[in-house]
Amino acid sequence: MSVSLPEVKNYLLALQDSICKGLEAEETRTHFKEDSWIRPEGGGGRTRILEGGAVFEKAGVAFSHVSGTNLPASATAHRPHLAGKAWEALGVSLVIHPLNPYVPTSHANVRFFMTKPDPSKNEESTFWFGGGFDLTPYYGFTEDCVHWHKTAKHAVTAIDPSLYPTFKKNCDDYFYLKHRQEARGVGGLFFDDFNQLGFKRSFELMQSVGDHYIKAYQPIVEKRKNTPYTDKQRQHQLYRRGRYVEFNLVWDRGTHFGLQSGGRTESILMSLPPLVRWDYNFKPEAGSEEEKLITEFLKPRDWLS
């Protein structure tokens, strides 16, 4: 197996740069601030945060390259034989919380994992890629969902035409709040434990997914960011953000891995929105746009049919 960690790292650093540049092109009030950090257990990263913007209330785009001597359970759920192995992980993870309720929240992540062999046992390294991107609207627009999924399909079809249906279903299944019996958003792409195409082609897949994120999201931001909205719509956005918080803290494997591996809490929890609300037993008005979000958009469907 020929694995090039420097190649992966250089790509991810460049990806962080390009995504921040694309997001800043939509922002008029402020810029990303960078926080470089070192992890005592091994590795470090650079976290970029934009707060209090005219378009983005909070946006976080983080690069990390960390290592450890004992792979935590959250990373070995499907590979229990690797539990306890030394490991190395690189990735870019981001969550964008817009100010305008008509601009959806978005999330993306691309990552590379590798376990280190034990020389005394004549072992080989194990590697895999993962990632994807998903969209969480507060008010639904069919054309936005179609654009999002068309771009997602294009990202993976260039590598293997059979991947999009699988990765789309993975996303629908993964970003689901079981305790609410409700989807987090309108889906996108999700893949993990992926090495079926060998290092070179699997790396190309991760790159294509990473490169297509800003192509999927930026046009939606540009289209919706100046839409007038009321305080009622703003409060609905804050209420729906509560679902986002619930998923990230209760179900997200990336959050669990970061905390279990002794990761940097500030960077792990950068995904949380700055403002959020919970209302007891809230029911949207019948026939309202708020109700349509749940009944028409937060249901897995083929947006490209």
Protein backbone atom coordinates (compact mmCIF):
# COMPACT_ATOMS: atom_id res chain seq x y z
CA MET A 1 0.00 0.00 0.00
CA SER A 2 1.39 3.41 -0.99
CA VAL A 3 -0.05 6.20 1.16
CA SER A 4 1.08 9.82 0.83
CA LEU A 5 0.22 11.71 4.02
CA PRO A 6 1.92 14.95 2.85
CA GLU A 7 -0.23 14.92 -0.30
CA VAL A 8 -3.41 14.55 1.75
CA LYS A 9 -2.34 17.25 4.18
CA ASN A 10 -1.43 19.75 1.46
CA TYR A 11 -4.79 19.21 -0.23
CA LEU A 12 -6.74 19.72 2.99
CA LEU A 13 -4.89 22.93 3.87
CA ALA A 14 -5.61 24.28 0.37
CA LEU A 15 -9.25 23.22 0.67
CA GLN A 16 -9.63 25.17 3.92
CA ASP A 17 -8.18 28.22 2.16
CA SER A 18 -10.50 27.96 -0.85
CA ILE A 19 -13.67 27.42 1.20
CA CYS A 20 -12.90 30.40 3.44
CA LYS A 21 -12.25 32.52 0.35
CA GLY A 22 -15.58 31.48 -1.19
CA LEU A 23 -17.53 32.24 1.98
CA GLU A 24 -15.82 35.59 2.51
CA ALA A 25 -16.87 36.57 -1.02
CA GLU A 26 -20.48 36.55 0.24
CA GLU A 27 -19.74 38.39 3.48
CA THR A 28 -19.60 42.19 3.75
CA ARG A 29 -18.93 42.91 7.42
CA THR A 30 -16.07 40.77 8.70
CA HIS A 31 -13.49 38.07 7.94
CA PHE A 32 -12.28 34.75 9.27
CA LYS A 33 -9.93 34.81 12.25
CA GLU A 34 -7.41 31.98 12.60
CA ASP A 35 -6.58 30.09 15.78
CA SER A 36 -3.63 27.71 15.44
CA TRP A 37 -3.33 25.11 18.17
CA ILE A 38 -1.20 22.16 19.31
CA ARG A 39 -2.61 18.97 20.77
CA PRO A 40 -0.47 17.68 23.68
CA GLU A 41 -1.23 14.06 22.79
CA GLY A 42 0.01 14.59 19.23
CA GLY A 43 -0.62 16.90 16.32
CA GLY A 44 -2.62 20.10 16.05
CA GLY A 45 -4.52 22.24 13.62
CA ARG A 46 -5.82 25.62 12.58
CA THR A 47 -9.39 26.67 13.25
CA ARG A 48 -10.90 29.58 11.37
CA ILE A 49 -13.96 31.31 12.77
CA LEU A 50 -16.12 34.10 11.36
CA GLU A 51 -18.60 35.61 13.82
CA GLY A 52 -21.10 38.44 13.76
CA GLY A 53 -21.19 38.80 10.01
CA ALA A 54 -23.86 40.45 7.91
CA VAL A 55 -24.45 37.12 6.13
CA PHE A 56 -22.95 34.50 8.46
CA GLU A 57 -23.81 34.71 12.13
CA LYS A 58 -21.15 32.07 12.75
CA ALA A 59 -18.99 30.07 10.36
CA GLY A 60 -16.26 27.63 11.35
CA VAL A 61 -13.81 25.94 8.99
CA ALA A 62 -11.27 23.77 10.79
CA PHE A 63 -8.23 21.79 9.69
CA SER A 64 -6.73 19.20 12.02
CA HIS A 65 -3.91 16.67 11.87
CA VAL A 66 -3.84 14.63 15.04
CA SER A 67 -2.47 11.29 16.22
CA GLY A 68 -2.72 8.96 19.16
CA THR A 69 -1.70 5.60 20.55
CA ASN A 70 -5.13 4.15 21.29
CA LEU A 71 -7.88 4.39 18.68
CA PRO A 72 -11.18 5.19 20.50
CA ALA A 73 -14.35 3.13 20.19
CA SER A 74 -16.17 5.75 18.10
CA ALA A 75 -13.68 5.16 15.25
CA THR A 76 -13.80 1.37 15.41
CA ALA A 77 -17.54 0.65 15.48
CA HIS A 78 -17.27 -1.12 12.12
CA ARG A 79 -13.68 -2.31 12.64
CA PRO A 80 -13.50 -3.67 16.21
CA HIS A 81 -10.22 -5.47 15.48
CA LEU A 82 -8.51 -2.07 15.23
CA ALA A 83 -9.49 -0.94 18.74
CA GLY A 84 -6.47 0.22 20.66
CA LYS A 85 -4.21 0.72 17.63
CA ALA A 86 -1.98 3.74 17.15
CA TRP A 87 -3.57 6.11 14.65
CA GLU A 88 -3.28 9.31 12.65
CA ALA A 89 -6.14 11.46 11.32
CA LEU A 90 -6.37 14.48 9.05
CA GLY A 91 -9.45 16.39 8.03
CA VAL A 92 -11.31 19.58 7.24
CA SER A 93 -14.66 20.07 8.96
CA LEU A 94 -17.00 23.02 8.71
CA VAL A 95 -20.42 24.25 9.79
CA ILE A 96 -22.00 27.46 8.52
CA HIS A 97 -24.81 29.17 10.48
CA PRO A 98 -26.25 32.06 8.41
CA LEU A 99 -28.05 35.04 9.89
CA ASN A 100 -30.93 35.14 7.39
CA PRO A 101 -33.49 32.34 8.02
CA TYR A 102 -33.87 31.86 4.27
CA VAL A 103 -30.23 30.81 3.92
CA PRO A 104 -29.80 27.19 5.03
CA THR A 105 -27.20 25.95 7.46
CA SER A 106 -24.65 23.70 5.83
CA HIS A 107 -22.06 21.20 6.98
CA ALA A 108 -19.16 19.48 5.24
CA ASN A 109 -16.35 17.20 6.29
CA VAL A 110 -13.58 15.32 4.50
CA ARG A 111 -11.13 13.18 6.43
CA PHE A 112 -8.41 10.54 6.25
CA PHE A 113 -7.67 7.91 8.90
CA MET A 114 -4.70 5.61 9.14
CA THR A 115 -3.71 3.07 11.77
CA LYS A 116 -0.04 2.48 12.42
CA PRO A 117 1.26 -1.11 12.20
CA ASP A 118 2.84 -2.94 15.11
CA PRO A 119 6.33 -3.92 13.84
CA SER A 120 6.49 -6.85 16.25
CA LYS A 121 3.38 -8.42 14.68
CA ASN A 122 4.29 -7.96 11.00
CA GLU A 123 1.16 -5.82 10.47
CA GLU A 124 0.29 -3.44 7.66
CA SER A 125 -1.24 0.00 7.96
CA THR A 126 -4.99 0.33 7.48
CA PHE A 127 -6.41 3.48 5.92
CA TRP A 128 -9.79 4.86 4.98
CA PHE A 129 -11.41 8.07 3.78
CA GLY A 130 -14.70 9.63 4.80
CA GLY A 131 -16.74 12.74 4.41
CA GLY A 132 -19.60 14.42 2.61
CA PHE A 133 -21.82 17.47 2.86
CA ASP A 134 -25.44 18.09 3.87
CA LEU A 135 -27.91 20.97 3.90
CA THR A 136 -30.28 22.08 6.68
CA PRO A 137 -32.84 24.66 5.52
CA TYR A 138 -35.24 26.55 7.77
CA TYR A 139 -37.53 27.39 4.85
CA GLY A 140 -37.69 25.02 1.93
CA PHE A 141 -37.02 25.84 -1.73
CA THR A 142 -37.21 22.99 -4.20
CA GLU A 143 -34.78 24.64 -6.64
CA ASP A 144 -32.15 24.92 -3.90
CA CYS A 145 -32.49 21.24 -3.02
CA VAL A 146 -32.24 20.22 -6.69
CA HIS A 147 -29.10 22.34 -7.18
CA TRP A 148 -27.55 20.91 -4.00
CA HIS A 149 -28.15 17.30 -5.01
CA LYS A 150 -27.20 17.86 -8.66
CA THR A 151 -23.83 19.19 -7.49
CA ALA A 152 -23.45 16.33 -5.02
CA LYS A 153 -24.14 13.78 -7.74
CA HIS A 154 -21.63 15.40 -10.05
CA ALA A 155 -18.99 15.27 -7.30
CA VAL A 156 -19.02 11.48 -7.11
CA THR A 157 -20.20 10.44 -10.58
CA ALA A 158 -16.88 11.52 -12.09
CA ILE A 159 -15.21 8.88 -9.91
CA ASP A 160 -17.84 6.12 -10.02
CA PRO A 161 -21.45 6.56 -11.28
CA SER A 162 -22.73 3.96 -8.83
CA LEU A 163 -21.70 5.92 -5.73
CA TYR A 164 -24.29 8.73 -5.59
CA PRO A 165 -27.36 6.61 -4.69
CA THR A 166 -25.39 4.85 -1.96
CA PHE A 167 -23.85 8.00 -0.53
CA LYS A 168 -27.18 9.83 -0.68
CA LYS A 169 -28.91 7.05 1.27
CA ASN A 170 -26.04 6.98 3.75
CA CYS A 171 -26.60 10.70 4.32
CA ASP A 172 -30.36 10.34 4.76
CA ASP A 173 -29.80 7.49 7.23
CA TYR A 174 -26.99 9.12 9.18
CA PHE A 175 -28.35 12.66 9.64
CA TYR A 176 -31.52 11.45 11.31
CA LEU A 177 -32.61 12.32 14.84
CA LYS A 178 -33.89 8.99 16.10
CA HIS A 179 -35.28 10.48 19.29
CA ARG A 180 -37.34 12.94 17.20
CA GLN A 181 -38.01 10.56 14.29
CA GLU A 182 -37.05 13.43 12.04
CA ALA A 183 -34.40 14.17 9.41
CA ARG A 184 -31.90 16.93 10.22
CA GLY A 185 -32.14 18.41 6.73
CA VAL A 186 -32.48 17.56 3.05
CA GLY A 187 -29.39 15.37 2.89
CA GLY A 188 -26.52 15.27 0.44
CA LEU A 189 -23.55 12.89 0.58
CA PHE A 190 -22.07 10.79 3.36
CA PHE A 191 -19.40 8.08 3.20
CA ASP A 192 -17.07 6.52 5.73
CA ASP A 193 -14.59 3.64 6.02
CA PHE A 194 -13.96 4.03 2.28
CA ASN A 195 -10.86 2.49 0.66
CA GLN A 196 -12.45 0.24 -1.97
CA LEU A 197 -10.80 2.04 -4.89
CA GLY A 198 -7.29 1.95 -3.45
CA PHE A 199 -5.47 4.98 -2.10
CA LYS A 200 -5.15 7.00 -5.32
CA ARG A 201 -8.76 6.79 -6.51
CA SER A 202 -10.23 6.95 -3.01
CA PHE A 203 -8.20 10.12 -2.41
CA GLU A 204 -9.51 11.53 -5.71
CA LEU A 205 -13.05 10.84 -4.48
CA MET A 206 -12.43 12.74 -1.25
CA GLN A 207 -10.95 15.64 -3.21
CA SER A 208 -13.91 15.79 -5.57
CA VAL A 209 -16.37 15.90 -2.66
CA GLY A 210 -14.34 18.60 -0.93
CA ASP A 211 -14.03 20.69 -4.09
CA HIS A 212 -17.76 20.53 -4.85
CA TYR A 213 -18.95 21.79 -1.46
CA ILE A 214 -18.52 25.49 -2.18
CA LYS A 215 -20.00 24.97 -5.68
CA ALA A 216 -23.09 23.52 -4.01
CA TYR A 217 -23.48 26.07 -1.22
CA GLN A 218 -22.27 29.47 -2.42
CA PRO A 219 -24.94 29.94 -5.15
CA ILE A 220 -27.69 29.29 -2.58
CA VAL A 221 -26.19 31.83 -0.18
CA GLU A 222 -25.92 34.40 -2.97
CA LYS A 223 -29.55 33.84 -4.00
CA ARG A 224 -31.12 33.97 -0.50
CA LYS A 225 -28.92 36.23 1.66
CA ASN A 226 -30.83 39.45 0.94
CA THR A 227 -34.35 38.02 1.30
CA PRO A 228 -36.41 40.14 3.76
CA TYR A 229 -37.51 38.28 6.89
CA THR A 230 -39.56 38.91 10.02
CA ASP A 231 -38.86 38.28 13.70
CA LYS A 232 -41.25 35.32 13.55
CA GLN A 233 -39.11 33.72 10.88
CA ARG A 234 -35.97 34.47 12.87
CA GLN A 235 -37.44 32.79 15.95
CA HIS A 236 -38.35 29.75 13.86
CA GLN A 237 -34.75 29.55 12.68
CA LEU A 238 -33.53 29.62 16.28
CA TYR A 239 -36.01 26.89 17.23
CA ARG A 240 -34.93 24.65 14.33
CA ARG A 241 -31.30 25.19 15.28
CA GLY A 242 -32.12 23.26 18.43
CA ARG A 243 -32.44 20.12 16.30
CA TYR A 244 -28.96 20.77 14.95
CA VAL A 245 -27.54 20.97 18.46
CA GLU A 246 -29.33 17.80 19.51
CA PHE A 247 -27.92 15.82 16.60
CA ASN A 248 -24.34 17.03 17.07
CA LEU A 249 -24.27 16.31 20.78
CA VAL A 250 -26.28 13.08 20.86
CA TRP A 251 -25.60 11.26 17.59
CA ASP A 252 -22.64 12.68 15.67
CA ARG A 253 -19.72 10.24 15.54
CA GLY A 254 -17.23 13.03 14.76
CA THR A 255 -18.15 14.83 17.96
CA HIS A 256 -17.88 11.59 19.91
CA PHE A 257 -14.50 10.76 18.37
CA GLY A 258 -13.12 14.20 19.14
CA LEU A 259 -14.18 14.06 22.76
CA GLN A 260 -13.17 10.41 23.28
CA SER A 261 -9.73 11.00 21.74
CA GLY A 262 -9.00 13.97 23.98
CA GLY A 263 -9.46 16.47 21.18
CA ARG A 264 -9.62 20.23 21.50
CA THR A 265 -13.07 21.05 22.84
CA GLU A 266 -13.28 24.54 21.31
CA SER A 267 -12.68 23.15 17.82
CA ILE A 268 -14.95 20.13 18.30
CA LEU A 269 -17.88 22.27 19.45
CA MET A 270 -17.39 25.08 16.94
CA SER A 271 -20.30 23.45 15.07
CA LEU A 272 -22.79 24.76 17.61
CA PRO A 273 -24.77 27.90 16.70
CA PRO A 274 -24.31 31.12 18.70
CA LEU A 275 -28.05 31.47 19.44
CA VAL A 276 -30.70 28.78 19.74
CA ARG A 277 -34.04 28.19 21.47
CA TRP A 278 -36.20 25.29 22.57
CA ASP A 279 -39.98 25.64 22.84
CA TYR A 280 -41.98 23.03 24.68
CA ASN A 281 -44.13 20.88 22.38
CA PHE A 282 -44.09 23.44 19.57
CA LYS A 283 -46.46 22.76 16.67
CA PRO A 284 -46.24 24.87 13.49
CA GLU A 285 -49.42 26.42 12.14
CA ALA A 286 -51.27 24.15 9.71
CA GLY A 287 -50.48 24.98 6.09
CA SER A 288 -47.66 27.36 7.02
CA GLU A 289 -44.19 27.44 5.47
CA GLU A 290 -42.89 26.24 8.83
CA GLU A 291 -45.10 23.15 8.63
CA LYS A 292 -44.14 22.52 4.99
CA LEU A 293 -40.50 22.33 6.02
CA ILE A 294 -41.31 19.26 8.10
CA THR A 295 -43.97 17.64 5.92
CA GLU A 296 -42.44 18.27 2.48
CA PHE A 297 -38.71 18.87 2.84
CA LEU A 298 -37.52 16.87 5.84
CA LYS A 299 -38.50 13.61 4.17
CA PRO A 300 -35.96 11.53 2.21
CA ARG A 301 -36.76 11.83 -1.49
CA ASP A 302 -35.17 11.74 -4.91
CA TRP A 303 -34.63 15.42 -5.62
CA LEU A 304 -33.34 14.71 -9.14
CA SER A 305 -36.24 12.63 -10.47
